[in-house]
Amino acid sequence: MSVRIQNNVAYGLSQPLIDTPLLPIVSNRAPGFNDKAPIGTIWVDKSQNTAYLLTSIVNNEATWVNITQDTADFTTVTTQTNDGVATVISAELMPDDSSINISGFWMGTRDDFAESLGGDFSAVFLKDGANPSVVVDNPFIGTAATNGVGNARFTVDVGPNAALLVVTGNGGQVWNWKVVYTTVILP
């Protein structure tokens, strides 16, 4: 379907008539390669709540790019430890035959603020069929710390069905932990 475009004008201050931007095409379907309009036209599919932008017409076929923005979902988790035992702060469930990337930031601080450490991380996990997930290669875990944090640390691990984010404090000390991360799962 070709679209008949009418140049819209408005009365202006600098000149009597000024051009106005193209109005979007509003429809109950997504555009196809036969839907042609001026480059830069926006097409709104009301039924799916998505928007498309016409970026080119080559060999008489229109290319519409989905411009509906997905938002990143960030998860924030906190916990407190008072021993030197590894504690799972978060577990991201993994479906069979999938991989997952978890990336984010972490911080641990002793309750009296005498010691602190934190950093960023990125880890890729794989679950082949119903087999337990495994860490793919070595995860990146960046760490910056004050002196004397002992064994306090952040690590990643795997369970039978989940990617695990793990914190470990020091025995006899109370540590407060916070991890903020986002995930990408395939498929």
C-alpha atoms as a PDB file:
ATOM      1  CA  MET A   1       0.000   0.000   0.000  1.00  0.00           C
ATOM      2  CA  SER A   2       1.421   3.360  -0.989  1.00  0.00           C
ATOM      3  CA  VAL A   3       0.537   6.330   1.101  1.00  0.00           C
ATOM      4  CA  ARG A   4      -0.537   9.642  -0.378  1.00  0.00           C
ATOM      5  CA  ILE A   5       1.337  12.322   1.484  1.00  0.00           C
ATOM      6  CA  GLN A   6      -0.034  15.813   1.686  1.00  0.00           C
ATOM      7  CA  ASN A   7       2.357  18.526   2.760  1.00  0.00           C
ATOM      8  CA  ASN A   8       0.918  20.124   5.824  1.00  0.00           C
ATOM      9  CA  VAL A   9       1.572  23.800   6.402  1.00  0.00           C
ATOM     10  CA  ALA A  10       0.993  26.144   9.276  1.00  0.00           C
ATOM     11  CA  TYR A  11       1.015  29.884   9.667  1.00  0.00           C
ATOM     12  CA  GLY A  12       4.375  31.009  10.986  1.00  0.00           C
ATOM     13  CA  LEU A  13       5.986  34.087  12.412  1.00  0.00           C
ATOM     14  CA  SER A  14       9.094  34.166  10.224  1.00  0.00           C
ATOM     15  CA  GLN A  15       7.183  33.494   7.007  1.00  0.00           C
ATOM     16  CA  PRO A  16       3.497  33.181   6.152  1.00  0.00           C
ATOM     17  CA  LEU A  17       3.507  29.393   5.651  1.00  0.00           C
ATOM     18  CA  ILE A  18       5.915  26.865   7.159  1.00  0.00           C
ATOM     19  CA  ASP A  19       6.162  23.102   6.604  1.00  0.00           C
ATOM     20  CA  THR A  20       5.118  20.840   9.461  1.00  0.00           C
ATOM     21  CA  PRO A  21       6.437  17.353  10.219  1.00  0.00           C
ATOM     22  CA  LEU A  22       4.850  14.312   8.612  1.00  0.00           C
ATOM     23  CA  LEU A  23       1.986  12.836  10.550  1.00  0.00           C
ATOM     24  CA  PRO A  24       2.444   9.183  11.559  1.00  0.00           C
ATOM     25  CA  ILE A  25       0.507   6.438   9.817  1.00  0.00           C
ATOM     26  CA  VAL A  26      -1.770   4.795  12.360  1.00  0.00           C
ATOM     27  CA  SER A  27      -3.028   1.303  11.543  1.00  0.00           C
ATOM     28  CA  ASN A  28      -4.138  -1.942  13.157  1.00  0.00           C
ATOM     29  CA  ARG A  29      -1.288  -3.892  11.541  1.00  0.00           C
ATOM     30  CA  ALA A  30       2.458  -3.786  11.063  1.00  0.00           C
ATOM     31  CA  PRO A  31       3.841  -2.323   7.827  1.00  0.00           C
ATOM     32  CA  GLY A  32       5.148  -4.598   5.077  1.00  0.00           C
ATOM     33  CA  PHE A  33       7.666  -4.200   2.269  1.00  0.00           C
ATOM     34  CA  ASN A  34       4.888  -2.946  -0.057  1.00  0.00           C
ATOM     35  CA  ASP A  35       3.918  -0.122   2.335  1.00  0.00           C
ATOM     36  CA  LYS A  36       5.717   2.906   0.943  1.00  0.00           C
ATOM     37  CA  ALA A  37       5.873   6.482   2.207  1.00  0.00           C
ATOM     38  CA  PRO A  38       8.534   9.206   2.467  1.00  0.00           C
ATOM     39  CA  ILE A  39      11.729   8.105   4.259  1.00  0.00           C
ATOM     40  CA  GLY A  40      11.430   8.961   7.947  1.00  0.00           C
ATOM     41  CA  THR A  41       7.701   8.241   8.174  1.00  0.00           C
ATOM     42  CA  ILE A  42       6.534   6.636  11.410  1.00  0.00           C
ATOM     43  CA  TRP A  43       3.977   3.804  11.296  1.00  0.00           C
ATOM     44  CA  VAL A  44       2.088   2.949  14.492  1.00  0.00           C
ATOM     45  CA  ASP A  45       0.523  -0.504  14.832  1.00  0.00           C
ATOM     46  CA  LYS A  46      -2.205   0.165  17.421  1.00  0.00           C
ATOM     47  CA  SER A  47      -3.109  -3.499  17.802  1.00  0.00           C
ATOM     48  CA  GLN A  48       0.408  -4.481  18.956  1.00  0.00           C
ATOM     49  CA  ASN A  49       1.388  -1.162  20.572  1.00  0.00           C
ATOM     50  CA  THR A  50       4.512  -0.930  18.386  1.00  0.00           C
ATOM     51  CA  ALA A  51       6.012   1.740  16.162  1.00  0.00           C
ATOM     52  CA  TYR A  52       8.087   1.472  12.977  1.00  0.00           C
ATOM     53  CA  LEU A  53      10.279   3.908  11.060  1.00  0.00           C
ATOM     54  CA  LEU A  54      10.715   3.773   7.275  1.00  0.00           C
ATOM     55  CA  THR A  55      14.488   3.769   6.733  1.00  0.00           C
ATOM     56  CA  SER A  56      14.834   2.940   3.026  1.00  0.00           C
ATOM     57  CA  ILE A  57      13.134   1.841  -0.177  1.00  0.00           C
ATOM     58  CA  VAL A  58      15.404  -0.365  -2.297  1.00  0.00           C
ATOM     59  CA  ASN A  59      14.279  -2.292  -5.395  1.00  0.00           C
ATOM     60  CA  ASN A  60      10.760  -1.012  -4.729  1.00  0.00           C
ATOM     61  CA  GLU A  61      10.691  -2.688  -1.278  1.00  0.00           C
ATOM     62  CA  ALA A  62      10.272  -0.649   1.886  1.00  0.00           C
ATOM     63  CA  THR A  63      12.332  -1.356   5.000  1.00  0.00           C
ATOM     64  CA  TRP A  64      10.505  -0.560   8.230  1.00  0.00           C
ATOM     65  CA  VAL A  65      12.504  -0.776  11.478  1.00  0.00           C
ATOM     66  CA  ASN A  66      10.762  -1.487  14.782  1.00  0.00           C
ATOM     67  CA  ILE A  67      11.487   1.507  16.999  1.00  0.00           C
ATOM     68  CA  THR A  68       9.488   0.477  20.028  1.00  0.00           C
ATOM     69  CA  GLN A  69      12.002   0.697  22.831  1.00  0.00           C
ATOM     70  CA  ASP A  70      12.388  -2.237  25.169  1.00  0.00           C
ATOM     71  CA  THR A  71      13.308  -1.332  28.678  1.00  0.00           C
ATOM     72  CA  ALA A  72      16.063  -3.001  30.609  1.00  0.00           C
ATOM     73  CA  ASP A  73      14.868  -4.739  33.726  1.00  0.00           C
ATOM     74  CA  PHE A  74      17.243  -4.191  36.607  1.00  0.00           C
ATOM     75  CA  THR A  75      17.030  -6.345  39.689  1.00  0.00           C
ATOM     76  CA  THR A  76      18.251  -5.063  43.036  1.00  0.00           C
ATOM     77  CA  VAL A  77      18.902  -7.518  45.852  1.00  0.00           C
ATOM     78  CA  THR A  78      20.275  -6.984  49.340  1.00  0.00           C
ATOM     79  CA  THR A  79      21.297  -9.240  52.186  1.00  0.00           C
ATOM     80  CA  GLN A  80      23.323  -9.265  55.361  1.00  0.00           C
ATOM     81  CA  THR A  81      25.942 -11.824  56.393  1.00  0.00           C
ATOM     82  CA  ASN A  82      27.530 -12.338  59.787  1.00  0.00           C
ATOM     83  CA  ASP A  83      29.818 -15.267  59.088  1.00  0.00           C
ATOM     84  CA  GLY A  84      32.310 -16.464  56.504  1.00  0.00           C
ATOM     85  CA  VAL A  85      29.831 -18.770  54.769  1.00  0.00           C
ATOM     86  CA  ALA A  86      28.932 -18.267  51.091  1.00  0.00           C
ATOM     87  CA  THR A  87      25.360 -16.942  50.804  1.00  0.00           C
ATOM     88  CA  VAL A  88      23.273 -16.969  47.612  1.00  0.00           C
ATOM     89  CA  ILE A  89      22.003 -13.414  47.239  1.00  0.00           C
ATOM     90  CA  SER A  90      20.094 -14.157  44.005  1.00  0.00           C
ATOM     91  CA  ALA A  91      19.226 -17.150  41.814  1.00  0.00           C
ATOM     92  CA  GLU A  92      18.132 -16.616  38.202  1.00  0.00           C
ATOM     93  CA  LEU A  93      16.173 -19.658  37.006  1.00  0.00           C
ATOM     94  CA  MET A  94      17.210 -21.034  33.636  1.00  0.00           C
ATOM     95  CA  PRO A  95      14.912 -22.907  31.264  1.00  0.00           C
ATOM     96  CA  ASP A  96      16.203 -26.047  29.538  1.00  0.00           C
ATOM     97  CA  ASP A  97      18.380 -25.372  26.490  1.00  0.00           C
ATOM     98  CA  SER A  98      19.196 -21.767  27.262  1.00  0.00           C
ATOM     99  CA  SER A  99      22.046 -19.447  28.024  1.00  0.00           C
ATOM    100  CA  ILE A 100      21.984 -16.391  30.235  1.00  0.00           C
ATOM    101  CA  ASN A 101      24.226 -13.370  30.652  1.00  0.00           C
ATOM    102  CA  ILE A 102      24.055 -11.573  33.962  1.00  0.00           C
ATOM    103  CA  SER A 103      25.834  -8.228  34.249  1.00  0.00           C
ATOM    104  CA  GLY A 104      25.791  -5.632  36.957  1.00  0.00           C
ATOM    105  CA  PHE A 105      27.361  -4.027  39.999  1.00  0.00           C
ATOM    106  CA  TRP A 106      27.901  -5.261  43.538  1.00  0.00           C
ATOM    107  CA  MET A 107      28.991  -3.820  46.856  1.00  0.00           C
ATOM    108  CA  GLY A 108      29.672  -5.121  50.342  1.00  0.00           C
ATOM    109  CA  THR A 109      30.270  -2.947  53.393  1.00  0.00           C
ATOM    110  CA  ARG A 110      31.013  -3.914  56.966  1.00  0.00           C
ATOM    111  CA  ASP A 111      28.264  -2.621  59.270  1.00  0.00           C
ATOM    112  CA  ASP A 112      30.658  -0.218  61.040  1.00  0.00           C
ATOM    113  CA  PHE A 113      31.886   1.076  57.635  1.00  0.00           C
ATOM    114  CA  ALA A 114      35.482   0.174  58.504  1.00  0.00           C
ATOM    115  CA  GLU A 115      35.798  -1.949  55.350  1.00  0.00           C
ATOM    116  CA  SER A 116      34.139  -1.954  51.953  1.00  0.00           C
ATOM    117  CA  LEU A 117      34.535  -3.558  48.568  1.00  0.00           C
ATOM    118  CA  GLY A 118      32.631  -3.596  45.325  1.00  0.00           C
ATOM    119  CA  GLY A 119      32.861  -3.762  41.567  1.00  0.00           C
ATOM    120  CA  ASP A 120      31.167  -4.830  38.385  1.00  0.00           C
ATOM    121  CA  PHE A 121      30.651  -8.258  36.883  1.00  0.00           C
ATOM    122  CA  SER A 122      29.542 -10.120  33.784  1.00  0.00           C
ATOM    123  CA  ALA A 123      29.028 -13.869  33.589  1.00  0.00           C
ATOM    124  CA  VAL A 124      27.571 -16.214  30.964  1.00  0.00           C
ATOM    125  CA  PHE A 125      25.809 -19.432  31.970  1.00  0.00           C
ATOM    126  CA  LEU A 126      24.633 -22.349  29.836  1.00  0.00           C
ATOM    127  CA  LYS A 127      22.032 -25.024  30.433  1.00  0.00           C
ATOM    128  CA  ASP A 128      22.170 -27.879  27.932  1.00  0.00           C
ATOM    129  CA  GLY A 129      18.831 -29.705  27.965  1.00  0.00           C
ATOM    130  CA  ALA A 130      17.867 -30.539  31.539  1.00  0.00           C
ATOM    131  CA  ASN A 131      21.524 -30.948  32.570  1.00  0.00           C
ATOM    132  CA  PRO A 132      22.856 -28.716  35.314  1.00  0.00           C
ATOM    133  CA  SER A 133      23.923 -25.266  34.168  1.00  0.00           C
ATOM    134  CA  VAL A 134      27.624 -24.548  33.881  1.00  0.00           C
ATOM    135  CA  VAL A 135      29.637 -21.361  33.857  1.00  0.00           C
ATOM    136  CA  VAL A 136      30.906 -20.647  30.348  1.00  0.00           C
ATOM    137  CA  ASP A 137      34.574 -19.620  30.471  1.00  0.00           C
ATOM    138  CA  ASN A 138      35.643 -17.417  33.351  1.00  0.00           C
ATOM    139  CA  PRO A 139      33.294 -14.650  34.452  1.00  0.00           C
ATOM    140  CA  PHE A 140      34.599 -11.100  34.681  1.00  0.00           C
ATOM    141  CA  ILE A 141      34.430  -9.809  38.247  1.00  0.00           C
ATOM    142  CA  GLY A 142      36.062  -6.444  38.813  1.00  0.00           C
ATOM    143  CA  THR A 143      36.900  -5.607  42.415  1.00  0.00           C
ATOM    144  CA  ALA A 144      37.933  -2.473  44.243  1.00  0.00           C
ATOM    145  CA  ALA A 145      38.426  -2.778  48.010  1.00  0.00           C
ATOM    146  CA  THR A 146      39.639  -1.012  51.093  1.00  0.00           C
ATOM    147  CA  ASN A 147      42.468  -2.678  52.982  1.00  0.00           C
ATOM    148  CA  GLY A 148      41.767  -5.586  55.285  1.00  0.00           C
ATOM    149  CA  VAL A 149      38.548  -7.003  53.854  1.00  0.00           C
ATOM    150  CA  GLY A 150      39.736 -10.531  54.625  1.00  0.00           C
ATOM    151  CA  ASN A 151      37.759 -13.204  52.795  1.00  0.00           C
ATOM    152  CA  ALA A 152      34.780 -11.001  51.926  1.00  0.00           C
ATOM    153  CA  ARG A 153      33.969 -11.408  48.249  1.00  0.00           C
ATOM    154  CA  PHE A 154      31.381 -11.656  45.476  1.00  0.00           C
ATOM    155  CA  THR A 155      31.327 -14.687  43.143  1.00  0.00           C
ATOM    156  CA  VAL A 156      29.048 -16.451  40.670  1.00  0.00           C
ATOM    157  CA  ASP A 157      28.119 -20.118  40.743  1.00  0.00           C
ATOM    158  CA  VAL A 158      25.548 -22.501  39.314  1.00  0.00           C
ATOM    159  CA  GLY A 159      22.818 -24.713  40.706  1.00  0.00           C
ATOM    160  CA  PRO A 160      20.887 -27.443  38.913  1.00  0.00           C
ATOM    161  CA  ASN A 161      18.414 -24.960  37.431  1.00  0.00           C
ATOM    162  CA  ALA A 162      19.771 -21.504  38.165  1.00  0.00           C
ATOM    163  CA  ALA A 163      22.599 -19.049  37.775  1.00  0.00           C
ATOM    164  CA  LEU A 164      23.677 -17.984  41.275  1.00  0.00           C
ATOM    165  CA  LEU A 165      25.092 -14.725  42.609  1.00  0.00           C
ATOM    166  CA  VAL A 166      26.975 -15.408  45.834  1.00  0.00           C
ATOM    167  CA  VAL A 167      28.400 -13.180  48.587  1.00  0.00           C
ATOM    168  CA  THR A 168      30.722 -14.211  51.393  1.00  0.00           C
ATOM    169  CA  GLY A 169      31.471 -12.104  54.457  1.00  0.00           C
ATOM    170  CA  ASN A 170      33.995 -12.617  57.243  1.00  0.00           C
ATOM    171  CA  GLY A 171      33.394 -14.703  60.342  1.00  0.00           C
ATOM    172  CA  GLY A 172      32.382 -12.590  63.345  1.00  0.00           C
ATOM    173  CA  GLN A 173      31.634  -9.515  61.194  1.00  0.00           C
ATOM    174  CA  VAL A 174      28.326  -8.186  59.900  1.00  0.00           C
ATOM    175  CA  TRP A 175      28.454  -7.272  56.206  1.00  0.00           C
ATOM    176  CA  ASN A 176      25.690  -5.553  54.212  1.00  0.00           C
ATOM    177  CA  TRP A 177      25.493  -6.494  50.536  1.00  0.00           C
ATOM    178  CA  LYS A 178      23.744  -5.022  47.499  1.00  0.00           C
ATOM    179  CA  VAL A 179      23.775  -6.304  43.903  1.00  0.00           C
ATOM    180  CA  VAL A 180      22.117  -4.538  40.960  1.00  0.00           C
ATOM    181  CA  TYR A 181      22.023  -6.493  37.695  1.00  0.00           C
ATOM    182  CA  THR A 182      20.288  -7.138  34.427  1.00  0.00           C
ATOM    183  CA  THR A 183      19.889 -10.402  32.509  1.00  0.00           C
ATOM    184  CA  VAL A 184      19.775 -11.479  28.875  1.00  0.00           C
ATOM    185  CA  ILE A 185      18.396 -14.959  28.180  1.00  0.00           C
ATOM    186  CA  LEU A 186      18.513 -16.937  24.930  1.00  0.00           C
ATOM    187  CA  PRO A 187      16.329 -18.324  23.537  1.00  0.00           C
END
